[in-house]
Amino acid sequence: MGEAGMKILITGAHGQLGHELKSMLESGRAEIGPIDPAYQHAEVFYKDMDTVDFSDLAQARACVEAIKPDLVINCAAMTNVNACETELDAAMKANAILPMNLAALCQELGAKFVHTSTDYVFAGDEDSPRWEWDHTAPVTAYGKSKELGEQYVRQACAKSFIVRTAWLYGYVGNNFVKTMCRLAKENGKVTVVNDQFGNPTSANDLAYHILKLARTEYYGTYHCTNEGTCSWYDFAKKIIELAGIEAEVRPCTTAEYPTPAKRPAYSSLENAMLRNTVGNQMRPWEDALVMYMENAKQRGIIE
């Protein structure tokens, strides 16, 4: 990868993760520290579905061949878990065929490919954190489409990193943190499930580790979530507390709050591959959330 002339293509650039990558590549810094100086002179191309439909191979090829990137980071996905249950073709296109196309094109170019995936590739019915070597067994259309995408990426591109994350929140777009703050202000109370456990994850921390991995040749599957496991209720309580909103946070069960797609009961991930390759600098989830809330208030994202 030529230092001065490094070209990077980021797909799904308008989303939470794409936005963090952009701000990081422009500033040279993440919240936890500076990024590799090799990125300083990189030429970065930001694309999203409004300009290129990467699930269409001809469109994807035209874009990738025009840019000839050294690195492609795919942040594009259909992440509406409930909608995936009914819009199966859309889920298949966005979560399986799109990454398959990008992986195949990266292989042709000899480029590196980073693909973001999810804790939903696991069933969520075991009560210990999942390692990268654990068997996947998705139970939702979203999880199944993402798992198929992973398989296609592994088959198609030798220089690929699959990075699974969970419970992601960033500074742009909608996420659980913003939703909780809004509902707490509007209603003076929020009711949140207390029997689903996982890892709240800062998109900034995830972006930092993606850029760190992409400078290496440690190809493979990674878990990348903030450290520590909590329930959605614990997460909501901490959010409301840090926001300084006077509101009651009430626990409920999954049975009391049914959704079209079955949610994993326990989908905590273990960052074992990170720890044993480039190093795991993912912060404890509470620490990352504290900094996020401070920054979000300063930027007027959360009042």
C-alpha atoms as a PDB file:
ATOM      1  CA  MET A   1       0.000   0.000   0.000  1.00  0.00           C
ATOM      2  CA  GLY A   2       1.841   3.116  -1.183  1.00  0.00           C
ATOM      3  CA  GLU A   3       2.004   5.678   1.630  1.00  0.00           C
ATOM      4  CA  ALA A   4       1.650   8.863  -0.383  1.00  0.00           C
ATOM      5  CA  GLY A   5      -0.808   7.495  -2.897  1.00  0.00           C
ATOM      6  CA  MET A   6      -2.991   5.309  -0.677  1.00  0.00           C
ATOM      7  CA  LYS A   7      -6.571   5.289  -1.961  1.00  0.00           C
ATOM      8  CA  ILE A   8      -9.444   4.338   0.312  1.00  0.00           C
ATOM      9  CA  LEU A   9     -13.073   3.707  -0.642  1.00  0.00           C
ATOM     10  CA  ILE A  10     -15.657   3.865   2.142  1.00  0.00           C
ATOM     11  CA  THR A  11     -19.112   2.498   1.319  1.00  0.00           C
ATOM     12  CA  GLY A  12     -22.122   3.308   3.473  1.00  0.00           C
ATOM     13  CA  ALA A  13     -20.329   6.575   4.179  1.00  0.00           C
ATOM     14  CA  HIS A  14     -23.420   8.453   5.427  1.00  0.00           C
ATOM     15  CA  GLY A  15     -23.982   6.137   8.402  1.00  0.00           C
ATOM     16  CA  GLN A  16     -22.736   6.259  11.984  1.00  0.00           C
ATOM     17  CA  LEU A  17     -19.508   4.366  11.311  1.00  0.00           C
ATOM     18  CA  GLY A  18     -18.811   6.035   7.959  1.00  0.00           C
ATOM     19  CA  HIS A  19     -19.101   9.425   9.640  1.00  0.00           C
ATOM     20  CA  GLU A  20     -16.608   8.470  12.381  1.00  0.00           C
ATOM     21  CA  LEU A  21     -14.120   7.159   9.811  1.00  0.00           C
ATOM     22  CA  LYS A  22     -14.421  10.416   7.853  1.00  0.00           C
ATOM     23  CA  SER A  23     -13.850  12.656  10.875  1.00  0.00           C
ATOM     24  CA  MET A  24     -10.929  10.469  11.969  1.00  0.00           C
ATOM     25  CA  LEU A  25      -9.238  10.430   8.560  1.00  0.00           C
ATOM     26  CA  GLU A  26      -9.659  14.207   8.302  1.00  0.00           C
ATOM     27  CA  SER A  27      -8.435  15.021  11.829  1.00  0.00           C
ATOM     28  CA  GLY A  28      -5.883  12.207  12.232  1.00  0.00           C
ATOM     29  CA  ARG A  29      -7.310  11.436  15.673  1.00  0.00           C
ATOM     30  CA  ALA A  30      -9.756   9.161  17.446  1.00  0.00           C
ATOM     31  CA  GLU A  31     -11.091   9.784  20.947  1.00  0.00           C
ATOM     32  CA  ILE A  32      -8.547   7.306  22.309  1.00  0.00           C
ATOM     33  CA  GLY A  33      -5.567   8.720  20.399  1.00  0.00           C
ATOM     34  CA  PRO A  34      -3.939   9.436  17.028  1.00  0.00           C
ATOM     35  CA  ILE A  35      -4.427   7.132  14.043  1.00  0.00           C
ATOM     36  CA  ASP A  36      -1.551   5.748  11.948  1.00  0.00           C
ATOM     37  CA  PRO A  37       0.229   8.681  10.220  1.00  0.00           C
ATOM     38  CA  ALA A  38       0.216   6.644   6.993  1.00  0.00           C
ATOM     39  CA  TYR A  39      -3.417   7.778   6.575  1.00  0.00           C
ATOM     40  CA  GLN A  40      -2.382  11.434   6.510  1.00  0.00           C
ATOM     41  CA  HIS A  41      -1.895  11.597   2.732  1.00  0.00           C
ATOM     42  CA  ALA A  42      -4.563   9.076   1.770  1.00  0.00           C
ATOM     43  CA  GLU A  43      -7.068   9.950  -0.926  1.00  0.00           C
ATOM     44  CA  VAL A  44     -10.470   8.939   0.437  1.00  0.00           C
ATOM     45  CA  PHE A  45     -13.651   8.390  -1.562  1.00  0.00           C
ATOM     46  CA  TYR A  46     -16.956   8.366   0.328  1.00  0.00           C
ATOM     47  CA  LYS A  47     -19.837   6.586  -1.392  1.00  0.00           C
ATOM     48  CA  ASP A  48     -23.353   5.616  -0.384  1.00  0.00           C
ATOM     49  CA  MET A  49     -26.443   4.056  -1.933  1.00  0.00           C
ATOM     50  CA  ASP A  50     -27.641   7.475  -3.154  1.00  0.00           C
ATOM     51  CA  THR A  51     -24.786   7.506  -5.690  1.00  0.00           C
ATOM     52  CA  VAL A  52     -23.837   3.839  -6.249  1.00  0.00           C
ATOM     53  CA  ASP A  53     -25.837   0.654  -5.694  1.00  0.00           C
ATOM     54  CA  PHE A  54     -23.012  -1.718  -4.761  1.00  0.00           C
ATOM     55  CA  SER A  55     -25.411  -4.694  -4.750  1.00  0.00           C
ATOM     56  CA  ASP A  56     -25.465  -4.257  -8.546  1.00  0.00           C
ATOM     57  CA  LEU A  57     -22.183  -5.740  -9.763  1.00  0.00           C
ATOM     58  CA  ALA A  58     -21.945  -3.520 -12.858  1.00  0.00           C
ATOM     59  CA  GLN A  59     -22.366  -0.331 -10.796  1.00  0.00           C
ATOM     60  CA  ALA A  60     -19.962  -1.607  -8.136  1.00  0.00           C
ATOM     61  CA  ARG A  61     -17.357  -2.526 -10.771  1.00  0.00           C
ATOM     62  CA  ALA A  62     -17.602   0.846 -12.530  1.00  0.00           C
ATOM     63  CA  CYS A  63     -17.051   2.684  -9.234  1.00  0.00           C
ATOM     64  CA  VAL A  64     -14.234   0.472  -7.952  1.00  0.00           C
ATOM     65  CA  GLU A  65     -12.396   0.351 -11.291  1.00  0.00           C
ATOM     66  CA  ALA A  66     -12.553   4.155 -11.598  1.00  0.00           C
ATOM     67  CA  ILE A  67     -11.046   4.635  -8.120  1.00  0.00           C
ATOM     68  CA  LYS A  68      -8.698   1.601  -7.955  1.00  0.00           C
ATOM     69  CA  PRO A  69      -8.587   1.670  -4.139  1.00  0.00           C
ATOM     70  CA  ASP A  70      -5.908  -0.015  -2.024  1.00  0.00           C
ATOM     71  CA  LEU A  71      -8.434  -0.416   0.763  1.00  0.00           C
ATOM     72  CA  VAL A  72     -12.237  -0.707   0.812  1.00  0.00           C
ATOM     73  CA  ILE A  73     -14.121  -0.340   4.091  1.00  0.00           C
ATOM     74  CA  ASN A  74     -17.729  -1.481   3.828  1.00  0.00           C
ATOM     75  CA  CYS A  75     -20.049   0.187   6.333  1.00  0.00           C
ATOM     76  CA  ALA A  76     -23.155  -0.339   4.168  1.00  0.00           C
ATOM     77  CA  ALA A  77     -25.883  -2.623   5.505  1.00  0.00           C
ATOM     78  CA  MET A  78     -29.605  -2.949   6.033  1.00  0.00           C
ATOM     79  CA  THR A  79     -29.647  -2.752   9.829  1.00  0.00           C
ATOM     80  CA  ASN A  80     -33.382  -2.410  10.506  1.00  0.00           C
ATOM     81  CA  VAL A  81     -33.736  -5.820  12.137  1.00  0.00           C
ATOM     82  CA  ASN A  82     -37.543  -5.889  12.070  1.00  0.00           C
ATOM     83  CA  ALA A  83     -37.777  -4.722   8.444  1.00  0.00           C
ATOM     84  CA  CYS A  84     -35.369  -7.492   7.391  1.00  0.00           C
ATOM     85  CA  GLU A  85     -37.969 -10.066   8.526  1.00  0.00           C
ATOM     86  CA  THR A  86     -40.407  -8.960   5.813  1.00  0.00           C
ATOM     87  CA  GLU A  87     -38.113  -7.369   3.215  1.00  0.00           C
ATOM     88  CA  LEU A  88     -36.041 -10.494   2.602  1.00  0.00           C
ATOM     89  CA  ASP A  89     -34.780  -9.562  -0.869  1.00  0.00           C
ATOM     90  CA  ALA A  90     -33.636  -6.143   0.329  1.00  0.00           C
ATOM     91  CA  ALA A  91     -31.806  -7.762   3.276  1.00  0.00           C
ATOM     92  CA  MET A  92     -30.147 -10.290   0.964  1.00  0.00           C
ATOM     93  CA  LYS A  93     -29.000  -7.573  -1.449  1.00  0.00           C
ATOM     94  CA  ALA A  94     -27.638  -5.183   1.166  1.00  0.00           C
ATOM     95  CA  ASN A  95     -26.127  -7.661   3.626  1.00  0.00           C
ATOM     96  CA  ALA A  96     -24.929 -10.542   1.416  1.00  0.00           C
ATOM     97  CA  ILE A  97     -24.688  -9.606  -2.270  1.00  0.00           C
ATOM     98  CA  LEU A  98     -23.248  -6.104  -1.734  1.00  0.00           C
ATOM     99  CA  PRO A  99     -20.262  -7.310   0.338  1.00  0.00           C
ATOM    100  CA  MET A 100     -19.815 -10.272  -2.035  1.00  0.00           C
ATOM    101  CA  ASN A 101     -19.451  -7.859  -4.976  1.00  0.00           C
ATOM    102  CA  LEU A 102     -17.001  -5.621  -3.129  1.00  0.00           C
ATOM    103  CA  ALA A 103     -14.940  -8.582  -1.912  1.00  0.00           C
ATOM    104  CA  ALA A 104     -14.668 -10.021  -5.432  1.00  0.00           C
ATOM    105  CA  LEU A 105     -13.614  -6.639  -6.853  1.00  0.00           C
ATOM    106  CA  CYS A 106     -11.000  -6.202  -4.098  1.00  0.00           C
ATOM    107  CA  GLN A 107      -9.614  -9.634  -4.919  1.00  0.00           C
ATOM    108  CA  GLU A 108      -9.254  -8.649  -8.595  1.00  0.00           C
ATOM    109  CA  LEU A 109      -7.399  -5.464  -7.617  1.00  0.00           C
ATOM    110  CA  GLY A 110      -5.311  -7.010  -4.847  1.00  0.00           C
ATOM    111  CA  ALA A 111      -6.920  -4.522  -2.445  1.00  0.00           C
ATOM    112  CA  LYS A 112      -7.657  -5.040   1.238  1.00  0.00           C
ATOM    113  CA  PHE A 113     -11.307  -5.308   2.269  1.00  0.00           C
ATOM    114  CA  VAL A 114     -12.806  -4.553   5.682  1.00  0.00           C
ATOM    115  CA  HIS A 115     -16.404  -5.705   6.147  1.00  0.00           C
ATOM    116  CA  THR A 116     -18.454  -4.847   9.222  1.00  0.00           C
ATOM    117  CA  SER A 117     -20.702  -7.524  10.662  1.00  0.00           C
ATOM    118  CA  THR A 118     -22.776  -8.131  13.765  1.00  0.00           C
ATOM    119  CA  ASP A 119     -23.381 -10.032  17.003  1.00  0.00           C
ATOM    120  CA  TYR A 120     -26.650 -11.215  15.387  1.00  0.00           C
ATOM    121  CA  VAL A 121     -24.741 -13.982  13.562  1.00  0.00           C
ATOM    122  CA  PHE A 122     -24.992 -15.814  16.916  1.00  0.00           C
ATOM    123  CA  ALA A 123     -28.179 -17.282  18.361  1.00  0.00           C
ATOM    124  CA  GLY A 124     -27.712 -15.435  21.652  1.00  0.00           C
ATOM    125  CA  ASP A 125     -28.838 -18.391  23.757  1.00  0.00           C
ATOM    126  CA  GLU A 126     -25.535 -18.996  25.600  1.00  0.00           C
ATOM    127  CA  ASP A 127     -24.649 -17.029  28.713  1.00  0.00           C
ATOM    128  CA  SER A 128     -20.948 -16.375  28.082  1.00  0.00           C
ATOM    129  CA  PRO A 129     -19.328 -14.001  25.575  1.00  0.00           C
ATOM    130  CA  ARG A 130     -18.876 -15.435  22.083  1.00  0.00           C
ATOM    131  CA  TRP A 131     -15.357 -15.859  20.723  1.00  0.00           C
ATOM    132  CA  GLU A 132     -14.464 -15.571  17.045  1.00  0.00           C
ATOM    133  CA  TRP A 133     -14.111 -19.361  16.818  1.00  0.00           C
ATOM    134  CA  ASP A 134     -17.627 -20.060  18.130  1.00  0.00           C
ATOM    135  CA  HIS A 135     -20.222 -21.455  15.740  1.00  0.00           C
ATOM    136  CA  THR A 136     -22.630 -18.966  14.251  1.00  0.00           C
ATOM    137  CA  ALA A 137     -26.337 -19.788  14.349  1.00  0.00           C
ATOM    138  CA  PRO A 138     -28.393 -16.731  13.400  1.00  0.00           C
ATOM    139  CA  VAL A 139     -32.124 -16.784  14.169  1.00  0.00           C
ATOM    140  CA  THR A 140     -33.220 -13.583  12.367  1.00  0.00           C
ATOM    141  CA  ALA A 141     -33.322 -12.657   8.689  1.00  0.00           C
ATOM    142  CA  TYR A 142     -30.903  -9.841   9.517  1.00  0.00           C
ATOM    143  CA  GLY A 143     -28.468 -12.236  11.197  1.00  0.00           C
ATOM    144  CA  LYS A 144     -28.804 -14.811   8.418  1.00  0.00           C
ATOM    145  CA  SER A 145     -28.189 -12.260   5.671  1.00  0.00           C
ATOM    146  CA  LYS A 146     -25.144 -10.881   7.542  1.00  0.00           C
ATOM    147  CA  GLU A 147     -23.743 -14.388   8.078  1.00  0.00           C
ATOM    148  CA  LEU A 148     -24.100 -15.161   4.378  1.00  0.00           C
ATOM    149  CA  GLY A 149     -22.295 -11.897   3.618  1.00  0.00           C
ATOM    150  CA  GLU A 150     -19.439 -13.011   5.890  1.00  0.00           C
ATOM    151  CA  GLN A 151     -19.184 -16.357   4.085  1.00  0.00           C
ATOM    152  CA  TYR A 152     -19.076 -14.680   0.668  1.00  0.00           C
ATOM    153  CA  VAL A 153     -16.375 -12.236   1.806  1.00  0.00           C
ATOM    154  CA  ARG A 154     -14.169 -15.053   3.140  1.00  0.00           C
ATOM    155  CA  GLN A 155     -14.562 -17.022  -0.089  1.00  0.00           C
ATOM    156  CA  ALA A 156     -14.062 -14.094  -2.445  1.00  0.00           C
ATOM    157  CA  CYS A 157     -11.233 -12.034  -0.945  1.00  0.00           C
ATOM    158  CA  ALA A 158      -7.955 -13.296   0.507  1.00  0.00           C
ATOM    159  CA  LYS A 159      -7.079  -9.921   2.042  1.00  0.00           C
ATOM    160  CA  SER A 160     -10.256  -9.488   4.063  1.00  0.00           C
ATOM    161  CA  PHE A 161     -11.103  -8.510   7.624  1.00  0.00           C
ATOM    162  CA  ILE A 162     -14.574  -9.240   8.988  1.00  0.00           C
ATOM    163  CA  VAL A 163     -15.249  -7.050  12.007  1.00  0.00           C
ATOM    164  CA  ARG A 164     -18.285  -7.912  14.128  1.00  0.00           C
ATOM    165  CA  THR A 165     -19.664  -5.241  16.402  1.00  0.00           C
ATOM    166  CA  ALA A 166     -22.832  -4.611  18.428  1.00  0.00           C
ATOM    167  CA  TRP A 167     -25.124  -1.980  19.974  1.00  0.00           C
ATOM    168  CA  LEU A 168     -23.398   0.740  17.981  1.00  0.00           C
ATOM    169  CA  TYR A 169     -23.870   4.465  18.593  1.00  0.00           C
ATOM    170  CA  GLY A 170     -22.226   7.465  16.925  1.00  0.00           C
ATOM    171  CA  TYR A 171     -22.711  11.190  16.482  1.00  0.00           C
ATOM    172  CA  VAL A 172     -24.841  11.145  13.313  1.00  0.00           C
ATOM    173  CA  GLY A 173     -28.072   9.306  12.514  1.00  0.00           C
ATOM    174  CA  ASN A 174     -30.366   7.535  14.925  1.00  0.00           C
ATOM    175  CA  ASN A 175     -29.236   5.284  17.742  1.00  0.00           C
ATOM    176  CA  PHE A 176     -30.351   3.983  21.117  1.00  0.00           C
ATOM    177  CA  VAL A 177     -28.625   6.775  23.070  1.00  0.00           C
ATOM    178  CA  LYS A 178     -30.403   9.567  21.191  1.00  0.00           C
ATOM    179  CA  THR A 179     -33.722   7.699  21.280  1.00  0.00           C
ATOM    180  CA  MET A 180     -33.566   7.199  25.059  1.00  0.00           C
ATOM    181  CA  CYS A 181     -32.770  10.888  25.649  1.00  0.00           C
ATOM    182  CA  ARG A 182     -35.640  11.977  23.404  1.00  0.00           C
ATOM    183  CA  LEU A 183     -38.203   9.605  24.952  1.00  0.00           C
ATOM    184  CA  ALA A 184     -37.118  10.412  28.511  1.00  0.00           C
ATOM    185  CA  LYS A 185     -37.558  14.141  27.844  1.00  0.00           C
ATOM    186  CA  GLU A 186     -40.904  13.715  26.097  1.00  0.00           C
ATOM    187  CA  ASN A 187     -42.467  11.243  28.539  1.00  0.00           C
ATOM    188  CA  GLY A 188     -40.553  11.594  31.799  1.00  0.00           C
ATOM    189  CA  LYS A 189     -40.076   7.836  31.729  1.00  0.00           C
ATOM    190  CA  VAL A 190     -38.743   5.028  29.529  1.00  0.00           C
ATOM    191  CA  THR A 191     -39.395   1.295  29.730  1.00  0.00           C
ATOM    192  CA  VAL A 192     -36.514  -0.897  28.598  1.00  0.00           C
ATOM    193  CA  VAL A 193     -35.898  -4.651  28.448  1.00  0.00           C
ATOM    194  CA  ASN A 194     -33.762  -6.016  31.260  1.00  0.00           C
ATOM    195  CA  ASP A 195     -33.251  -9.558  29.931  1.00  0.00           C
ATOM    196  CA  GLN A 196     -31.192  -8.921  26.779  1.00  0.00           C
ATOM    197  CA  PHE A 197     -27.452  -8.511  27.343  1.00  0.00           C
ATOM    198  CA  GLY A 198     -24.639  -7.265  25.123  1.00  0.00           C
ATOM    199  CA  ASN A 199     -21.917  -4.658  24.596  1.00  0.00           C
ATOM    200  CA  PRO A 200     -22.748  -1.000  23.912  1.00  0.00           C
ATOM    201  CA  THR A 201     -20.138   0.153  21.389  1.00  0.00           C
ATOM    202  CA  SER A 202     -18.794   3.567  20.413  1.00  0.00           C
ATOM    203  CA  ALA A 203     -18.579   3.981  16.624  1.00  0.00           C
ATOM    204  CA  ASN A 204     -15.465   6.091  17.260  1.00  0.00           C
ATOM    205  CA  ASP A 205     -13.660   3.217  19.020  1.00  0.00           C
ATOM    206  CA  LEU A 206     -14.757   0.811  16.284  1.00  0.00           C
ATOM    207  CA  ALA A 207     -13.515   3.114  13.504  1.00  0.00           C
ATOM    208  CA  TYR A 208     -10.135   3.485  15.250  1.00  0.00           C
ATOM    209  CA  HIS A 209      -9.643  -0.297  15.415  1.00  0.00           C
ATOM    210  CA  ILE A 210     -10.754  -0.788  11.802  1.00  0.00           C
ATOM    211  CA  LEU A 211      -8.095   1.674  10.653  1.00  0.00           C
ATOM    212  CA  LYS A 212      -5.528  -0.009  12.905  1.00  0.00           C
ATOM    213  CA  LEU A 213      -6.340  -3.484  11.515  1.00  0.00           C
ATOM    214  CA  ALA A 214      -6.302  -2.279   7.914  1.00  0.00           C
ATOM    215  CA  ARG A 215      -2.605  -1.332   8.226  1.00  0.00           C
ATOM    216  CA  THR A 216      -1.752  -4.983   8.935  1.00  0.00           C
ATOM    217  CA  GLU A 217      -1.952  -8.348   7.216  1.00  0.00           C
ATOM    218  CA  TYR A 218      -3.769 -10.055  10.102  1.00  0.00           C
ATOM    219  CA  TYR A 219      -6.664 -11.065   7.861  1.00  0.00           C
ATOM    220  CA  GLY A 220      -9.588 -12.851   9.462  1.00  0.00           C
ATOM    221  CA  THR A 221     -12.648 -12.471  11.679  1.00  0.00           C
ATOM    222  CA  TYR A 222     -12.673 -10.062  14.609  1.00  0.00           C
ATOM    223  CA  HIS A 223     -14.959  -9.032  17.425  1.00  0.00           C
ATOM    224  CA  CYS A 224     -14.798  -5.328  18.194  1.00  0.00           C
ATOM    225  CA  THR A 225     -17.092  -4.048  20.939  1.00  0.00           C
ATOM    226  CA  ASN A 226     -16.528  -1.926  23.999  1.00  0.00           C
ATOM    227  CA  GLU A 227     -15.592  -3.915  27.084  1.00  0.00           C
ATOM    228  CA  GLY A 228     -18.153  -5.107  29.607  1.00  0.00           C
ATOM    229  CA  THR A 229     -21.613  -6.626  29.347  1.00  0.00           C
ATOM    230  CA  CYS A 230     -24.872  -4.970  30.385  1.00  0.00           C
ATOM    231  CA  SER A 231     -28.594  -5.125  29.661  1.00  0.00           C
ATOM    232  CA  TRP A 232     -30.439  -2.563  27.532  1.00  0.00           C
ATOM    233  CA  TYR A 233     -31.985  -1.387  30.821  1.00  0.00           C
ATOM    234  CA  ASP A 234     -28.523  -0.850  32.408  1.00  0.00           C
ATOM    235  CA  PHE A 235     -27.437   1.006  29.262  1.00  0.00           C
ATOM    236  CA  ALA A 236     -30.554   3.218  29.315  1.00  0.00           C
ATOM    237  CA  LYS A 237     -30.118   4.013  33.016  1.00  0.00           C
ATOM    238  CA  LYS A 238     -26.531   5.142  32.440  1.00  0.00           C
ATOM    239  CA  ILE A 239     -27.555   7.251  29.422  1.00  0.00           C
ATOM    240  CA  ILE A 240     -30.325   9.085  31.330  1.00  0.00           C
ATOM    241  CA  GLU A 241     -28.028   9.604  34.318  1.00  0.00           C
ATOM    242  CA  LEU A 242     -25.239  11.088  32.161  1.00  0.00           C
ATOM    243  CA  ALA A 243     -27.715  13.234  30.210  1.00  0.00           C
ATOM    244  CA  GLY A 244     -28.960  14.691  33.493  1.00  0.00           C
ATOM    245  CA  ILE A 245     -32.591  14.126  32.503  1.00  0.00           C
ATOM    246  CA  GLU A 246     -35.162  13.754  35.269  1.00  0.00           C
ATOM    247  CA  ALA A 247     -36.887  10.571  34.162  1.00  0.00           C
ATOM    248  CA  GLU A 248     -37.778   7.136  35.462  1.00  0.00           C
ATOM    249  CA  VAL A 249     -36.173   4.135  33.764  1.00  0.00           C
ATOM    250  CA  ARG A 250     -38.382   1.067  34.180  1.00  0.00           C
ATOM    251  CA  PRO A 251     -37.293  -2.505  33.468  1.00  0.00           C
ATOM    252  CA  CYS A 252     -39.475  -4.926  31.515  1.00  0.00           C
ATOM    253  CA  THR A 253     -39.064  -8.382  29.991  1.00  0.00           C
ATOM    254  CA  THR A 254     -38.713  -9.292  26.314  1.00  0.00           C
ATOM    255  CA  ALA A 255     -42.056 -11.103  26.613  1.00  0.00           C
ATOM    256  CA  GLU A 256     -43.689  -7.804  27.629  1.00  0.00           C
ATOM    257  CA  TYR A 257     -42.183  -6.036  24.623  1.00  0.00           C
ATOM    258  CA  PRO A 258     -42.513  -8.376  21.618  1.00  0.00           C
ATOM    259  CA  THR A 259     -40.878  -7.432  18.285  1.00  0.00           C
ATOM    260  CA  PRO A 260     -41.231  -8.970  14.790  1.00  0.00           C
ATOM    261  CA  ALA A 261     -37.609 -10.203  14.939  1.00  0.00           C
ATOM    262  CA  LYS A 262     -36.383 -12.293  17.856  1.00  0.00           C
ATOM    263  CA  ARG A 263     -33.639 -10.465  19.739  1.00  0.00           C
ATOM    264  CA  PRO A 264     -30.633 -12.375  21.133  1.00  0.00           C
ATOM    265  CA  ALA A 265     -30.933 -12.817  24.909  1.00  0.00           C
ATOM    266  CA  TYR A 266     -27.163 -12.733  25.387  1.00  0.00           C
ATOM    267  CA  SER A 267     -24.971 -11.509  22.534  1.00  0.00           C
ATOM    268  CA  SER A 268     -21.860 -10.278  24.301  1.00  0.00           C
ATOM    269  CA  LEU A 269     -18.683 -10.611  22.215  1.00  0.00           C
ATOM    270  CA  GLU A 270     -15.109 -11.337  23.323  1.00  0.00           C
ATOM    271  CA  ASN A 271     -12.432  -9.283  21.502  1.00  0.00           C
ATOM    272  CA  ALA A 272      -9.995 -12.219  21.488  1.00  0.00           C
ATOM    273  CA  MET A 273      -8.537 -11.730  17.998  1.00  0.00           C
ATOM    274  CA  LEU A 274      -7.873  -8.029  18.573  1.00  0.00           C
ATOM    275  CA  ARG A 275      -6.210  -8.786  21.885  1.00  0.00           C
ATOM    276  CA  ASN A 276      -3.916 -11.344  20.277  1.00  0.00           C
ATOM    277  CA  THR A 277      -2.980  -9.381  17.118  1.00  0.00           C
ATOM    278  CA  VAL A 278      -2.998  -5.568  16.998  1.00  0.00           C
ATOM    279  CA  GLY A 279      -4.042  -5.086  20.626  1.00  0.00           C
ATOM    280  CA  ASN A 280      -7.457  -4.420  22.140  1.00  0.00           C
ATOM    281  CA  GLN A 281      -7.809  -0.759  23.072  1.00  0.00           C
ATOM    282  CA  MET A 282     -11.619  -0.844  23.159  1.00  0.00           C
ATOM    283  CA  ARG A 283     -12.624   1.123  26.254  1.00  0.00           C
ATOM    284  CA  PRO A 284     -14.979  -0.071  29.006  1.00  0.00           C
ATOM    285  CA  TRP A 285     -18.449   0.780  27.669  1.00  0.00           C
ATOM    286  CA  GLU A 286     -19.157   3.226  30.521  1.00  0.00           C
ATOM    287  CA  ASP A 287     -15.965   5.230  29.778  1.00  0.00           C
ATOM    288  CA  ALA A 288     -16.736   5.487  26.062  1.00  0.00           C
ATOM    289  CA  LEU A 289     -20.320   6.563  26.855  1.00  0.00           C
ATOM    290  CA  VAL A 290     -19.174   9.282  29.278  1.00  0.00           C
ATOM    291  CA  MET A 291     -16.983  10.865  26.581  1.00  0.00           C
ATOM    292  CA  TYR A 292     -19.712  10.484  23.955  1.00  0.00           C
ATOM    293  CA  MET A 293     -22.283  12.252  26.137  1.00  0.00           C
ATOM    294  CA  GLU A 294     -19.855  15.111  26.892  1.00  0.00           C
ATOM    295  CA  ASN A 295     -19.071  15.586  23.202  1.00  0.00           C
ATOM    296  CA  ALA A 296     -22.718  15.187  22.130  1.00  0.00           C
ATOM    297  CA  LYS A 297     -23.789  17.911  24.575  1.00  0.00           C
ATOM    298  CA  GLN A 298     -21.003  20.250  23.396  1.00  0.00           C
ATOM    299  CA  ARG A 299     -22.014  19.719  19.767  1.00  0.00           C
ATOM    300  CA  GLY A 300     -25.712  20.235  20.536  1.00  0.00           C
ATOM    301  CA  ILE A 301     -26.551  16.675  19.430  1.00  0.00           C
ATOM    302  CA  ILE A 302     -28.024  15.937  22.854  1.00  0.00           C
ATOM    303  CA  GLU A 303     -29.420  18.869  24.822  1.00  0.00           C
END
